Amino acid sequence: MYHRKAKGWIKNIDLILFNLVSLHLALMLSYYIHIDNSLVYNNTRYLNISVIITMGAILSAIVIQPFANYKNKTLKDRLINNLKQVVIVDTIAIFYFFGTQQGINYSRVIFSLYFPCFYFIFNFFTLYLYTKILKYIKTDIQDNKSLLILTNNDYFDILKKECCSGVLGNYKIIDLLLLDNNVITRSASGEVKRDTNNRIEYGLIDDYLVQNNNDWIDEILVVSDNISEKLSKILEDQTYNGTTVHFALTNSFYKKNFKQITNRIGSYITITTTLNYMSYEQSLCKRLIDIIGALVGCGITAVLFVIFAPMIYKYSPGPIFFKQRRIGKHGKIFNLYKFRTMYLDAEERKKELLAQNIVKDGMMFKMMFDPRVIGNRVLTNGQHVEGIGSFLRKYSLDEFPQFFNVLKGDMSIVGTRPPTLDEWEKYSPYHKSRLFIKPGITGMWQVSGRNAITNFDDVVALDRKYITEWSIKTDLEIILKTIKVVINHKNSY
């Protein structure tokens, strides 16, 4: 899903919170060293000044914005900005002493030496470590998106310079293509060769998009005064299939069936067309729900491991956890974790059972009774006996290790089912649109019939409905419905 960037100070809310933590750590340590070894907040006077400087730090962060673009600043600029914040907060405390004539009740050594020094040190190193850690944490907001740029002759050279100068920010530029009546005539990534018929290597823009179908294009930027009807239809199809399209305001473009917002890419104001989008605040809220839920889920997983690991190993010696490569948001591959509910040769035996797949188009693999599941067996009289693997699957207990994927950022609690690599290869562009968002442990399909829905197009329709109508409220409703479905274990096998 497209994530709209936050504006103003709100986009630095994480840095502001860490700044406040540093402030209070500095105040507590200063009081502990210079006054006594008790907690500073037990002293009413120092409790009052802590409230004053906290409000001052928040006000300074909002008005002066010392943390604006902090992650991209040089070390020197970070030191200067931290110093500014310390001076402002300490000055607010001093003005409070003089304004209320209570300076005699506070230690001058603390607010002239200890507090500003500790505040500066804690603030710098806390924010420094946090920005370093962010590089290794996957979040939707931080993803470096891939961007394809389409333009005409008037803007090609300008855009080529901007691509090289970094004006376009953290985008990974796939290519910059010069179009002439929907035909690619130049490419910034290199000269486009022509064949004997004087047709360029890529041919028409739709040919190019088909040839690059395996490389997911997150977003497309169109900078052109004129857009042909054919190109408009091509871009509409791209949007329908999950690619976000930005139109620079050198032209007008309106599509009532999609979400459209104004945006900025480099020096261009654009009209952005997408299946749906979430604000910075919504994205932060969804991620917070994921983290809290994942921590609880990982705790339950540990308990389930103690209970079921010996049973799994008894009937099928081998690893307790099953790791499988799956396709995540925007076609990115990740390792999905589950409790192993199948025998070790399950993948090899799958080929023998393809004829019994209840999903007739083969886009997913589901069986009513799967002999590859641990403990499942067929008696001589033809009766099916289910084992520990079926029990785990029936109550969705095998899914709990996926909370580790949620904690890592590969998945969300609510999303779409992540396909396997062989399933992904069968997808059309329409099917791939279901990976417009992070895959989830649960989703619309799971609470709308689950395995009773055997038509894959119906699954995709449910996923697209979730994407286009997404809200935090929808996620919470799906989580509650999932609990009910798991308890009833209907259509679960």
Protein backbone atom coordinates (compact mmCIF):
# COMPACT_ATOMS: atom_id res chain seq x y z
CA MET A 1 0.00 0.00 0.00
CA TYR A 2 1.20 3.51 -0.77
CA HIS A 3 2.33 5.36 2.35
CA ARG A 4 1.78 9.08 2.35
CA LYS A 5 4.65 10.91 4.01
CA ALA A 6 4.05 12.84 7.20
CA LYS A 7 4.35 16.60 7.16
CA GLY A 8 5.96 18.96 9.66
CA TRP A 9 7.13 17.88 13.07
CA ILE A 10 4.92 14.77 13.25
CA LYS A 11 7.29 12.87 10.95
CA ASN A 12 9.98 13.24 13.63
CA ILE A 13 7.78 12.04 16.49
CA ASP A 14 10.07 9.04 17.11
CA LEU A 15 13.13 11.28 17.51
CA ILE A 16 11.20 13.66 19.78
CA LEU A 17 10.23 10.76 22.06
CA PHE A 18 13.84 9.58 22.30
CA ASN A 19 14.85 13.18 23.03
CA LEU A 20 12.43 13.27 25.97
CA VAL A 21 13.81 9.97 27.30
CA SER A 22 17.33 11.44 27.14
CA LEU A 23 16.15 14.57 28.95
CA HIS A 24 14.72 12.64 31.90
CA LEU A 25 17.69 10.27 32.10
CA ALA A 26 19.97 13.31 32.30
CA LEU A 27 17.85 14.94 35.01
CA MET A 28 17.71 11.75 37.09
CA LEU A 29 21.46 11.11 36.84
CA SER A 30 22.30 14.74 37.68
CA TYR A 31 20.09 14.67 40.77
CA TYR A 32 21.45 11.27 41.80
CA ILE A 33 25.07 12.47 41.62
CA HIS A 34 24.75 15.95 43.11
CA ILE A 35 21.82 15.80 45.57
CA ASP A 36 21.25 12.24 46.82
CA ASN A 37 20.67 8.74 45.52
CA SER A 38 16.88 8.94 45.57
CA LEU A 39 14.58 9.38 42.60
CA VAL A 40 14.38 12.99 41.41
CA TYR A 41 10.57 12.83 41.05
CA ASN A 42 10.19 12.26 44.80
CA ASN A 43 11.24 15.89 45.24
CA THR A 44 8.18 18.07 44.48
CA ARG A 45 10.25 21.05 43.31
CA TYR A 46 12.28 18.97 40.87
CA LEU A 47 9.12 17.22 39.72
CA ASN A 48 7.74 20.65 38.79
CA ILE A 49 10.84 21.66 36.84
CA SER A 50 10.82 18.29 35.03
CA VAL A 51 7.33 19.07 33.75
CA ILE A 52 8.43 22.58 32.66
CA ILE A 53 11.49 21.43 30.72
CA THR A 54 9.55 18.55 29.17
CA MET A 55 6.99 20.99 27.79
CA GLY A 56 9.83 23.24 26.68
CA ALA A 57 11.56 20.38 24.84
CA ILE A 58 8.33 19.45 23.04
CA LEU A 59 7.64 23.08 22.11
CA SER A 60 11.20 23.52 20.84
CA ALA A 61 10.95 20.35 18.75
CA ILE A 62 7.70 21.56 17.15
CA VAL A 63 8.61 25.21 16.55
CA ILE A 64 12.36 25.13 15.83
CA GLN A 65 12.41 21.51 14.55
CA PRO A 66 16.02 20.62 15.43
CA PHE A 67 15.35 17.01 14.33
CA ALA A 68 14.07 17.86 10.84
CA ASN A 69 15.75 15.59 8.28
CA TYR A 70 17.96 14.38 11.15
CA LYS A 71 18.60 10.94 9.62
CA ASN A 72 20.24 12.49 6.54
CA LYS A 73 22.34 15.14 8.31
CA THR A 74 26.11 15.03 8.72
CA LEU A 75 27.71 14.28 12.07
CA LYS A 76 28.63 17.96 12.48
CA ASP A 77 25.04 19.10 11.86
CA ARG A 78 23.71 16.54 14.32
CA LEU A 79 26.08 17.78 17.03
CA ILE A 80 25.05 21.38 16.39
CA ASN A 81 21.33 20.56 16.44
CA ASN A 82 21.69 18.59 19.67
CA LEU A 83 23.56 21.49 21.23
CA LYS A 84 20.79 23.89 20.17
CA GLN A 85 18.14 21.70 21.79
CA VAL A 86 20.14 21.45 25.05
CA VAL A 87 20.73 25.22 25.22
CA ILE A 88 17.05 25.99 24.56
CA VAL A 89 15.77 23.57 27.21
CA ASP A 90 18.33 24.65 29.80
CA THR A 91 17.54 28.31 29.09
CA ILE A 92 13.83 27.63 29.66
CA ALA A 93 14.69 26.15 33.08
CA ILE A 94 16.81 29.20 34.01
CA PHE A 95 14.09 31.62 32.91
CA TYR A 96 11.63 29.66 35.04
CA PHE A 97 13.90 30.08 38.09
CA PHE A 98 14.16 33.83 37.61
CA GLY A 99 10.51 34.32 36.62
CA THR A 100 9.18 32.52 39.68
CA GLN A 101 12.06 33.71 41.92
CA GLN A 102 12.64 30.13 43.03
CA GLY A 103 16.24 29.81 41.89
CA ILE A 104 17.39 29.39 45.48
CA ASN A 105 15.45 26.13 45.71
CA TYR A 106 17.37 24.49 42.86
CA SER A 107 21.00 23.49 42.45
CA ARG A 108 22.88 25.80 40.08
CA VAL A 109 25.52 23.13 39.57
CA ILE A 110 22.93 20.71 38.19
CA PHE A 111 21.47 23.12 35.62
CA SER A 112 24.75 24.79 34.66
CA LEU A 113 26.94 21.68 34.48
CA TYR A 114 25.54 18.20 35.05
CA PHE A 115 22.16 18.38 33.34
CA PRO A 116 23.25 20.09 30.06
CA CYS A 117 26.30 17.79 29.74
CA PHE A 118 24.38 14.59 30.39
CA TYR A 119 21.46 15.76 28.25
CA PHE A 120 23.77 16.45 25.32
CA ILE A 121 25.59 13.11 25.64
CA PHE A 122 22.45 10.98 26.12
CA ASN A 123 20.54 12.78 23.37
CA PHE A 124 23.31 12.45 20.81
CA PHE A 125 24.16 8.80 21.42
CA THR A 126 20.53 7.69 21.82
CA LEU A 127 19.51 9.27 18.52
CA TYR A 128 22.71 8.10 16.83
CA LEU A 129 22.12 4.47 17.83
CA TYR A 130 18.43 4.72 16.92
CA THR A 131 19.17 5.99 13.39
CA LYS A 132 21.71 3.17 12.96
CA ILE A 133 19.22 0.54 14.11
CA LEU A 134 16.58 1.92 11.73
CA LYS A 135 18.71 0.86 8.79
CA TYR A 136 18.27 -2.78 9.81
CA ILE A 137 14.57 -2.67 10.69
CA LYS A 138 12.04 -3.22 7.92
CA THR A 139 9.07 -0.87 7.96
CA ASP A 140 6.76 0.23 5.19
CA ILE A 141 7.72 3.85 5.80
CA GLN A 142 11.44 3.22 5.33
CA ASP A 143 11.30 1.05 2.22
CA ASN A 144 13.41 2.41 -0.65
CA LYS A 145 10.87 2.21 -3.45
CA SER A 146 11.73 1.43 -7.06
CA LEU A 147 10.72 4.19 -9.47
CA LEU A 148 10.27 4.21 -13.25
CA ILE A 149 10.16 7.67 -14.86
CA LEU A 150 8.35 8.39 -18.14
CA THR A 151 8.76 11.76 -19.82
CA ASN A 152 8.90 13.67 -23.10
CA ASN A 153 11.73 15.57 -24.76
CA ASP A 154 11.14 18.80 -22.82
CA TYR A 155 11.97 17.26 -19.46
CA PHE A 156 14.33 14.34 -20.25
CA ASP A 157 17.68 16.12 -19.75
CA ILE A 158 16.47 17.89 -16.60
CA LEU A 159 15.24 14.62 -15.08
CA LYS A 160 18.47 12.83 -16.01
CA LYS A 161 20.44 15.41 -13.99
CA GLU A 162 18.03 15.07 -11.06
CA CYS A 163 18.37 11.29 -11.09
CA CYS A 164 22.15 11.65 -10.79
CA SER A 165 22.07 14.43 -8.20
CA GLY A 166 19.88 12.61 -5.70
CA VAL A 167 17.07 15.18 -5.82
CA LEU A 168 14.55 12.35 -6.09
CA GLY A 169 15.43 11.18 -2.58
CA ASN A 170 15.73 7.51 -1.59
CA TYR A 171 14.06 6.09 -4.68
CA LYS A 172 15.80 3.29 -6.54
CA ILE A 173 15.55 4.53 -10.13
CA ILE A 174 14.76 1.61 -12.45
CA ASP A 175 14.97 3.72 -15.60
CA LEU A 176 14.23 7.09 -17.17
CA LEU A 177 12.46 6.62 -20.49
CA LEU A 178 11.82 9.21 -23.20
CA LEU A 179 8.53 8.49 -24.97
CA ASP A 180 7.40 9.56 -28.41
CA ASN A 181 3.83 8.48 -29.14
CA ASN A 182 4.17 5.60 -26.66
CA VAL A 183 7.48 4.46 -28.22
CA ILE A 184 10.70 4.55 -26.17
CA THR A 185 13.30 6.62 -28.02
CA ARG A 186 15.89 7.15 -25.28
CA SER A 187 16.82 5.59 -21.95
CA ALA A 188 18.94 7.22 -19.25
CA SER A 189 20.43 3.84 -18.34
CA GLY A 190 22.06 3.61 -21.77
CA GLU A 191 21.43 4.05 -25.47
CA VAL A 192 18.49 2.03 -26.73
CA LYS A 193 19.57 -0.06 -29.70
CA ARG A 194 17.54 -0.20 -32.89
CA ASP A 195 16.97 -3.25 -35.06
CA THR A 196 17.08 -3.48 -38.87
CA ASN A 197 13.50 -2.20 -39.10
CA ASN A 198 14.52 0.94 -37.20
CA ARG A 199 12.42 -0.12 -34.20
CA ILE A 200 13.97 0.38 -30.81
CA GLU A 201 14.97 -2.53 -28.59
CA TYR A 202 12.14 -2.10 -26.10
CA GLY A 203 9.54 -1.13 -28.70
CA LEU A 204 6.34 0.24 -27.21
CA ILE A 205 6.11 1.18 -23.53
CA ASP A 206 3.67 -1.68 -22.88
CA ASP A 207 6.23 -4.10 -24.38
CA TYR A 208 8.83 -2.71 -21.99
CA LEU A 209 6.54 -3.23 -18.98
CA VAL A 210 5.85 -6.82 -20.03
CA GLN A 211 9.58 -7.52 -20.45
CA ASN A 212 10.25 -6.11 -16.98
CA ASN A 213 7.34 -7.95 -15.37
CA ASN A 214 9.66 -9.92 -13.07
CA ASP A 215 11.17 -6.74 -11.59
CA TRP A 216 8.51 -5.20 -9.41
CA ILE A 217 7.94 -1.52 -10.17
CA ASP A 218 6.73 0.14 -6.97
CA GLU A 219 5.94 3.53 -8.48
CA ILE A 220 5.87 5.33 -11.82
CA LEU A 221 6.45 9.08 -12.24
CA VAL A 222 5.05 10.67 -15.40
CA VAL A 223 6.43 14.09 -16.36
CA SER A 224 4.87 15.07 -19.66
CA ASP A 225 2.64 17.79 -21.08
CA ASN A 226 0.67 15.32 -23.17
CA ILE A 227 -0.50 11.83 -22.35
CA SER A 228 -2.01 9.76 -25.12
CA GLU A 229 -5.20 7.81 -24.59
CA LYS A 230 -3.26 4.57 -24.96
CA LEU A 231 -0.63 5.55 -22.38
CA SER A 232 -3.40 6.66 -20.02
CA LYS A 233 -4.99 3.19 -20.34
CA ILE A 234 -1.60 1.47 -19.78
CA LEU A 235 -1.01 3.49 -16.62
CA GLU A 236 -4.54 2.81 -15.44
CA ASP A 237 -3.87 -0.92 -15.79
CA GLN A 238 -0.59 -0.52 -13.87
CA THR A 239 -2.47 1.19 -11.04
CA TYR A 240 -5.11 -1.54 -11.05
CA ASN A 241 -2.34 -4.12 -10.72
CA GLY A 242 -0.82 -2.45 -7.66
CA THR A 243 1.70 0.08 -8.99
CA THR A 244 1.40 3.62 -7.66
CA VAL A 245 1.44 6.23 -10.44
CA HIS A 246 2.44 9.89 -9.93
CA PHE A 247 1.51 12.51 -12.51
CA ALA A 248 3.53 15.71 -12.40
CA LEU A 249 1.32 18.79 -12.62
CA THR A 250 2.46 19.58 -16.13
CA ASN A 251 -0.75 17.82 -17.10
CA SER A 252 -4.15 17.05 -15.65
CA PHE A 253 -5.21 13.51 -14.90
CA TYR A 254 -8.27 12.33 -13.05
CA LYS A 255 -9.51 8.83 -12.35
CA LYS A 256 -12.55 8.56 -10.11
CA ASN A 257 -12.08 4.81 -9.44
CA PHE A 258 -8.72 5.26 -7.68
CA LYS A 259 -7.45 7.21 -4.68
CA GLN A 260 -5.68 10.40 -5.78
CA ILE A 261 -3.62 12.78 -3.63
CA THR A 262 -1.18 15.59 -4.29
CA ASN A 263 2.44 14.76 -3.57
CA ARG A 264 5.98 15.93 -4.28
CA ILE A 265 8.80 14.01 -5.94
CA GLY A 266 11.99 16.01 -6.24
CA SER A 267 11.03 19.43 -7.58
CA TYR A 268 7.74 18.20 -9.07
CA ILE A 269 4.28 18.49 -7.56
CA THR A 270 2.35 15.42 -8.65
CA ILE A 271 -1.11 13.93 -8.64
CA THR A 272 -0.56 10.47 -7.20
CA THR A 273 -2.95 7.71 -8.27
CA THR A 274 -3.03 4.50 -6.25
CA LEU A 275 -5.34 1.68 -5.14
CA ASN A 276 -5.25 3.08 -1.62
CA TYR A 277 -2.88 4.83 0.74
CA MET A 278 -2.27 5.22 4.44
CA SER A 279 -1.06 8.31 6.22
CA TYR A 280 2.13 8.38 8.28
CA GLU A 281 0.03 8.28 11.45
CA GLN A 282 -1.98 5.28 10.21
CA SER A 283 1.19 3.46 9.17
CA LEU A 284 2.73 4.13 12.57
CA CYS A 285 -0.43 2.88 14.30
CA LYS A 286 -0.56 -0.30 12.20
CA ARG A 287 3.10 -1.01 12.89
CA LEU A 288 2.55 -0.41 16.62
CA ILE A 289 -0.34 -2.89 16.63
CA ASP A 290 1.91 -5.37 14.80
CA ILE A 291 4.76 -4.99 17.29
CA ILE A 292 2.53 -5.34 20.37
CA GLY A 293 0.67 -8.29 18.84
CA ALA A 294 3.93 -9.90 17.71
CA LEU A 295 5.47 -9.69 21.19
CA VAL A 296 2.40 -11.36 22.69
CA GLY A 297 2.36 -13.92 19.86
CA CYS A 298 6.05 -14.76 20.30
CA GLY A 299 5.41 -15.37 24.00
CA ILE A 300 2.56 -17.78 23.18
CA THR A 301 4.79 -19.43 20.56
CA ALA A 302 7.36 -20.19 23.26
CA VAL A 303 4.68 -21.92 25.37
CA LEU A 304 3.39 -23.88 22.36
CA PHE A 305 6.95 -24.96 21.57
CA VAL A 306 7.36 -26.52 25.02
CA ILE A 307 4.06 -28.39 24.61
CA PHE A 308 4.15 -29.55 20.99
CA ALA A 309 7.83 -29.78 20.04
CA PRO A 310 8.27 -33.24 21.68
CA MET A 311 5.13 -34.52 19.90
CA ILE A 312 6.28 -33.26 16.50
CA TYR A 313 9.73 -34.80 16.96
CA LYS A 314 8.28 -38.09 18.19
CA TYR A 315 6.22 -38.71 15.03
CA SER A 316 8.65 -37.07 12.61
CA PRO A 317 12.24 -36.58 13.84
CA GLY A 318 13.73 -33.43 12.44
CA PRO A 319 13.46 -29.66 12.82
CA ILE A 320 10.50 -28.36 14.83
CA PHE A 321 10.13 -25.21 12.78
CA PHE A 322 9.40 -25.16 9.06
CA LYS A 323 11.06 -22.45 6.98
CA GLN A 324 9.80 -21.66 3.49
CA ARG A 325 10.60 -18.91 1.01
CA ARG A 326 7.53 -16.81 0.32
CA ILE A 327 6.74 -13.69 -1.69
CA GLY A 328 6.11 -10.57 0.36
CA LYS A 329 5.11 -7.00 -0.33
CA HIS A 330 6.05 -5.76 -3.81
CA GLY A 331 7.44 -9.16 -4.81
CA LYS A 332 10.19 -9.28 -2.17
CA ILE A 333 11.24 -12.76 -1.02
CA PHE A 334 11.39 -13.62 2.71
CA ASN A 335 11.55 -16.74 4.89
CA LEU A 336 8.24 -17.63 6.52
CA TYR A 337 8.26 -19.66 9.75
CA LYS A 338 5.72 -22.18 11.02
CA PHE A 339 5.61 -25.15 13.33
CA ARG A 340 6.36 -28.09 11.07
CA THR A 341 3.15 -30.05 10.50
CA MET A 342 4.31 -32.14 7.53
CA TYR A 343 6.82 -34.91 7.03
CA LEU A 344 10.24 -33.91 5.74
CA ASP A 345 9.54 -35.21 2.23
CA ALA A 346 6.30 -33.23 1.85
CA GLU A 347 7.53 -31.07 -1.03
CA GLU A 348 8.65 -34.11 -3.04
CA ARG A 349 5.32 -35.87 -2.47
CA LYS A 350 3.34 -32.80 -3.49
CA LYS A 351 3.77 -33.62 -7.19
CA GLU A 352 2.02 -36.96 -6.64
CA LEU A 353 -1.00 -35.23 -5.07
CA LEU A 354 -1.54 -32.33 -7.49
CA ALA A 355 -4.56 -34.09 -9.01
CA GLN A 356 -6.33 -33.91 -5.62
CA ASN A 357 -5.87 -30.15 -5.29
CA ILE A 358 -9.29 -28.62 -4.52
CA VAL A 359 -8.18 -25.27 -5.98
CA LYS A 360 -8.75 -26.27 -9.58
CA ASP A 361 -6.77 -23.49 -11.28
CA GLY A 362 -3.65 -24.56 -9.37
CA MET A 363 -2.97 -21.06 -8.05
CA MET A 364 -2.97 -22.48 -4.49
CA PHE A 365 -2.61 -26.03 -3.14
CA LYS A 366 -5.23 -27.32 -0.72
CA MET A 367 -6.42 -30.85 0.16
CA MET A 368 -9.27 -32.04 2.37
CA PHE A 369 -7.09 -34.80 3.84
CA ASP A 370 -3.36 -34.49 3.24
CA PRO A 371 -1.33 -37.69 3.87
CA ARG A 372 1.84 -35.60 4.11
CA VAL A 373 0.65 -34.12 7.42
CA ILE A 374 2.42 -35.57 10.48
CA GLY A 375 0.37 -38.37 12.05
CA ASN A 376 -2.20 -38.57 9.24
CA ARG A 377 -2.80 -42.11 7.99
CA VAL A 378 -5.33 -44.16 6.10
CA LEU A 379 -6.53 -47.40 7.73
CA THR A 380 -7.04 -50.61 5.79
CA ASN A 381 -10.80 -49.96 5.75
CA GLY A 382 -10.20 -46.57 4.09
CA GLN A 383 -10.90 -44.54 7.22
CA HIS A 384 -8.85 -41.34 7.63
CA VAL A 385 -7.09 -40.82 10.97
CA GLU A 386 -5.72 -37.36 11.74
CA GLY A 387 -2.53 -36.78 13.72
CA ILE A 388 -0.79 -34.01 15.64
CA GLY A 389 -0.11 -32.07 12.44
CA SER A 390 -3.82 -31.83 11.63
CA PHE A 391 -4.57 -30.72 15.19
CA LEU A 392 -2.08 -27.86 14.91
CA ARG A 393 -3.48 -26.83 11.52
CA LYS A 394 -7.13 -27.12 12.56
CA TYR A 395 -6.66 -24.63 15.39
CA SER A 396 -4.08 -22.57 13.44
CA LEU A 397 -1.48 -23.21 16.13
CA ASP A 398 1.13 -23.89 13.45
CA GLU A 399 0.85 -20.24 12.37
CA PHE A 400 2.16 -18.75 15.63
CA PRO A 401 5.87 -18.66 14.66
CA GLN A 402 4.83 -16.17 11.97
CA PHE A 403 4.63 -13.58 14.72
CA PHE A 404 8.42 -13.56 14.47
CA ASN A 405 8.00 -12.55 10.81
CA VAL A 406 5.70 -9.76 11.98
CA LEU A 407 8.26 -8.59 14.52
CA LYS A 408 10.95 -8.57 11.81
CA GLY A 409 8.71 -6.53 9.53
CA ASP A 410 8.31 -9.12 6.75
CA MET A 411 4.62 -9.56 7.55
CA SER A 412 1.74 -7.84 9.31
CA ILE A 413 -0.86 -9.39 11.60
CA VAL A 414 -3.55 -8.56 9.03
CA GLY A 415 -2.83 -8.67 5.32
CA THR A 416 -2.99 -11.09 2.40
CA ARG A 417 -1.76 -14.67 2.22
CA PRO A 418 1.91 -14.77 1.04
CA PRO A 419 2.26 -17.06 -2.00
CA THR A 420 5.02 -19.60 -2.51
CA LEU A 421 7.56 -19.05 -5.28
CA ASP A 422 5.92 -21.57 -7.63
CA GLU A 423 2.50 -19.98 -7.07
CA TRP A 424 3.95 -16.53 -7.74
CA GLU A 425 5.29 -17.65 -11.12
CA LYS A 426 1.73 -18.44 -12.22
CA TYR A 427 0.38 -15.02 -11.21
CA SER A 428 -0.86 -12.53 -13.77
CA PRO A 429 -0.31 -8.80 -13.08
CA TYR A 430 -3.88 -8.69 -11.71
CA HIS A 431 -3.08 -11.43 -9.18
CA LYS A 432 0.15 -9.70 -8.15
CA SER A 433 -1.85 -6.69 -6.98
CA ARG A 434 -2.72 -8.61 -3.81
CA LEU A 435 0.91 -8.07 -2.73
CA PHE A 436 0.38 -4.30 -2.88
CA ILE A 437 0.51 -4.53 0.94
CA LYS A 438 2.43 -6.65 3.43
CA PRO A 439 1.22 -10.24 3.65
CA GLY A 440 -0.52 -11.11 6.89
CA ILE A 441 -1.05 -13.97 9.33
CA THR A 442 -4.76 -13.43 8.88
CA GLY A 443 -6.90 -11.50 6.44
CA MET A 444 -10.18 -11.16 4.61
CA TRP A 445 -9.89 -14.64 3.06
CA GLN A 446 -9.33 -16.34 6.42
CA VAL A 447 -12.46 -14.79 7.99
CA SER A 448 -14.68 -15.13 4.91
CA GLY A 449 -14.69 -18.89 4.45
CA ARG A 450 -11.02 -19.82 4.24
CA ASN A 451 -10.57 -23.24 2.61
CA ALA A 452 -14.24 -23.29 1.56
CA ILE A 453 -13.28 -20.68 -1.07
CA THR A 454 -11.66 -22.77 -3.79
CA ASN A 455 -11.73 -20.25 -6.64
CA PHE A 456 -8.50 -18.26 -6.55
CA ASP A 457 -10.07 -15.27 -8.30
CA ASP A 458 -12.51 -15.06 -5.38
CA VAL A 459 -9.53 -15.00 -3.01
CA VAL A 460 -7.96 -12.17 -5.02
CA ALA A 461 -11.27 -10.29 -5.03
CA LEU A 462 -11.40 -10.48 -1.23
CA ASP A 463 -7.79 -9.29 -0.97
CA ARG A 464 -8.45 -6.35 -3.30
CA LYS A 465 -11.55 -5.46 -1.29
CA TYR A 466 -9.38 -5.39 1.84
CA ILE A 467 -6.76 -3.20 0.12
CA THR A 468 -9.19 -0.66 -1.33
CA GLU A 469 -11.28 -0.40 1.85
CA TRP A 470 -8.42 -0.65 4.36
CA SER A 471 -8.55 1.14 7.70
CA ILE A 472 -7.29 0.51 11.25
CA LYS A 473 -10.89 -0.31 12.17
CA THR A 474 -10.99 -2.98 9.45
CA ASP A 475 -7.80 -4.58 10.82
CA LEU A 476 -9.21 -4.71 14.35
CA GLU A 477 -12.48 -6.23 13.09
CA ILE A 478 -10.57 -8.92 11.16
CA ILE A 479 -8.44 -9.75 14.25
CA LEU A 480 -11.60 -10.24 16.34
CA LYS A 481 -13.25 -12.34 13.61
CA THR A 482 -10.06 -14.43 13.32
CA ILE A 483 -10.23 -15.35 17.01
CA LYS A 484 -13.82 -16.53 16.49
CA VAL A 485 -12.90 -18.50 13.35
CA VAL A 486 -9.94 -20.21 15.09
CA ILE A 487 -12.11 -21.25 18.02
CA ASN A 488 -14.77 -22.68 15.70
CA HIS A 489 -12.03 -24.14 13.40
CA LYS A 490 -14.53 -24.26 10.55
CA ASN A 491 -13.11 -24.91 7.06
CA SER A 492 -9.70 -25.49 8.60
CA TYR A 493 -7.56 -28.39 7.39
